[in-house]
Amino acid sequence: MLDTEFTEFLAINKQDVEGLNWAYFDQKEMLTARGLANFDIYLGKVLINEREFEVPVFAGDDIQEILIGSQWLKEFDLMVRYRQE
């Protein structure tokens, strides 16, 4: 899910990061919609349109869905197609 309020690249639940073998490198406290929360930061590899990116991935306990942050808008154009049925 694209979250334009999240100013980093990617956020996932801590449980999801365990099987990915990404290197841990930091921890950061950030303000979320639910208040302040601590995030573990990993260096993750992400493949988009056959291009591989190494990006900081923020892992938190309360992340319900994978969040794609606004940093990606600096790499890609966002196109929205709205269909009315």
C-alpha atoms as a PDB file:
ATOM      1  CA  MET A   1       0.000   0.000   0.000  1.00  0.00           C
ATOM      2  CA  LEU A   2       1.336   3.446  -0.913  1.00  0.00           C
ATOM      3  CA  ASP A   3       1.486   5.636   2.186  1.00  0.00           C
ATOM      4  CA  THR A   4       2.470   9.175   1.190  1.00  0.00           C
ATOM      5  CA  GLU A   5       2.736  10.190   4.858  1.00  0.00           C
ATOM      6  CA  PHE A   6       5.520   7.613   5.334  1.00  0.00           C
ATOM      7  CA  THR A   7       8.615   9.470   4.152  1.00  0.00           C
ATOM      8  CA  GLU A   8      10.951   6.481   3.801  1.00  0.00           C
ATOM      9  CA  PHE A   9      11.021   3.665   1.221  1.00  0.00           C
ATOM     10  CA  LEU A  10       9.464   0.627   2.859  1.00  0.00           C
ATOM     11  CA  ALA A  11       7.904  -0.494   6.150  1.00  0.00           C
ATOM     12  CA  ILE A  12       6.980  -4.061   7.089  1.00  0.00           C
ATOM     13  CA  ASN A  13       6.042  -6.053  10.162  1.00  0.00           C
ATOM     14  CA  LYS A  14       8.974  -7.348  12.250  1.00  0.00           C
ATOM     15  CA  GLN A  15       7.792 -10.939  11.807  1.00  0.00           C
ATOM     16  CA  ASP A  16       7.995 -10.620   8.019  1.00  0.00           C
ATOM     17  CA  VAL A  17      11.607  -9.454   8.018  1.00  0.00           C
ATOM     18  CA  GLU A  18      12.897 -12.517   9.906  1.00  0.00           C
ATOM     19  CA  GLY A  19      12.946 -14.828   6.872  1.00  0.00           C
ATOM     20  CA  LEU A  20      14.507 -12.349   4.463  1.00  0.00           C
ATOM     21  CA  ASN A  21      18.121 -12.414   5.731  1.00  0.00           C
ATOM     22  CA  TRP A  22      18.419  -8.630   5.520  1.00  0.00           C
ATOM     23  CA  ALA A  23      21.217  -6.991   7.515  1.00  0.00           C
ATOM     24  CA  TYR A  24      20.138  -5.027  10.609  1.00  0.00           C
ATOM     25  CA  PHE A  25      21.877  -1.673  10.923  1.00  0.00           C
ATOM     26  CA  ASP A  26      19.959   0.763  13.131  1.00  0.00           C
ATOM     27  CA  GLN A  27      16.905   1.623  15.192  1.00  0.00           C
ATOM     28  CA  LYS A  28      14.833   4.807  15.031  1.00  0.00           C
ATOM     29  CA  GLU A  29      11.885   6.266  16.899  1.00  0.00           C
ATOM     30  CA  MET A  30       9.311   7.731  14.515  1.00  0.00           C
ATOM     31  CA  LEU A  31       5.949   9.427  14.770  1.00  0.00           C
ATOM     32  CA  THR A  32       3.146   7.309  13.295  1.00  0.00           C
ATOM     33  CA  ALA A  33      -0.622   7.719  13.086  1.00  0.00           C
ATOM     34  CA  ARG A  34      -0.785   5.829  16.410  1.00  0.00           C
ATOM     35  CA  GLY A  35       1.916   7.900  18.109  1.00  0.00           C
ATOM     36  CA  LEU A  36       5.635   7.326  18.669  1.00  0.00           C
ATOM     37  CA  ALA A  37       6.978   3.900  17.740  1.00  0.00           C
ATOM     38  CA  ASN A  38      10.403   2.253  17.573  1.00  0.00           C
ATOM     39  CA  PHE A  39      11.479   0.703  14.295  1.00  0.00           C
ATOM     40  CA  ASP A  40      14.362  -1.629  13.538  1.00  0.00           C
ATOM     41  CA  ILE A  41      16.029  -0.643  10.268  1.00  0.00           C
ATOM     42  CA  TYR A  42      17.374  -3.244   7.846  1.00  0.00           C
ATOM     43  CA  LEU A  43      19.120  -2.954   4.507  1.00  0.00           C
ATOM     44  CA  GLY A  44      16.688  -4.648   2.144  1.00  0.00           C
ATOM     45  CA  LYS A  45      16.779  -5.598  -1.516  1.00  0.00           C
ATOM     46  CA  VAL A  46      13.675  -4.778  -3.524  1.00  0.00           C
ATOM     47  CA  LEU A  47      13.033  -5.713  -7.154  1.00  0.00           C
ATOM     48  CA  ILE A  48      10.775  -3.361  -9.141  1.00  0.00           C
ATOM     49  CA  ASN A  49      10.398  -3.525 -12.925  1.00  0.00           C
ATOM     50  CA  GLU A  50      13.475  -5.766 -13.149  1.00  0.00           C
ATOM     51  CA  ARG A  51      15.593  -3.183 -11.273  1.00  0.00           C
ATOM     52  CA  GLU A  52      17.097  -4.045  -7.904  1.00  0.00           C
ATOM     53  CA  PHE A  53      17.244  -1.400  -5.187  1.00  0.00           C
ATOM     54  CA  GLU A  54      18.969  -1.560  -1.791  1.00  0.00           C
ATOM     55  CA  VAL A  55      16.881   0.547   0.554  1.00  0.00           C
ATOM     56  CA  PRO A  56      16.425   1.028   4.296  1.00  0.00           C
ATOM     57  CA  VAL A  57      13.455  -1.050   5.449  1.00  0.00           C
ATOM     58  CA  PHE A  58      11.671  -0.034   8.650  1.00  0.00           C
ATOM     59  CA  ALA A  59      10.327  -2.999  10.630  1.00  0.00           C
ATOM     60  CA  GLY A  60       7.749  -2.425  13.351  1.00  0.00           C
ATOM     61  CA  ASP A  61       5.378  -4.435  15.515  1.00  0.00           C
ATOM     62  CA  ASP A  62       2.191  -2.640  14.465  1.00  0.00           C
ATOM     63  CA  ILE A  63       2.662  -2.645  10.686  1.00  0.00           C
ATOM     64  CA  GLN A  64      -0.352  -4.550   9.308  1.00  0.00           C
ATOM     65  CA  GLU A  65       0.465  -4.264   5.589  1.00  0.00           C
ATOM     66  CA  ILE A  66       3.613  -3.603   3.603  1.00  0.00           C
ATOM     67  CA  LEU A  67       3.876   0.172   3.263  1.00  0.00           C
ATOM     68  CA  ILE A  68       5.541   1.754   0.262  1.00  0.00           C
ATOM     69  CA  GLY A  69       6.690   5.234   1.242  1.00  0.00           C
ATOM     70  CA  SER A  70       6.991   8.533  -0.572  1.00  0.00           C
ATOM     71  CA  GLN A  71      10.736   8.117  -1.272  1.00  0.00           C
ATOM     72  CA  TRP A  72       9.714   5.928  -4.234  1.00  0.00           C
ATOM     73  CA  LEU A  73       8.058   8.972  -5.825  1.00  0.00           C
ATOM     74  CA  LYS A  74      11.569  10.335  -6.384  1.00  0.00           C
ATOM     75  CA  GLU A  75      12.421   7.192  -8.408  1.00  0.00           C
ATOM     76  CA  PHE A  76       9.186   6.598 -10.323  1.00  0.00           C
ATOM     77  CA  ASP A  77       6.304   8.577 -11.775  1.00  0.00           C
ATOM     78  CA  LEU A  78       2.986   7.846 -10.105  1.00  0.00           C
ATOM     79  CA  MET A  79       0.104   7.241 -12.484  1.00  0.00           C
ATOM     80  CA  VAL A  80      -3.410   6.705 -11.200  1.00  0.00           C
ATOM     81  CA  ARG A  81      -6.199   5.354 -13.347  1.00  0.00           C
ATOM     82  CA  TYR A  82      -9.612   5.928 -11.843  1.00  0.00           C
ATOM     83  CA  ARG A  83     -12.452   3.910 -13.300  1.00  0.00           C
ATOM     84  CA  GLN A  84     -15.997   4.725 -12.475  1.00  0.00           C
ATOM     85  CA  GLU A  85     -18.395   1.808 -12.806  1.00  0.00           C
END
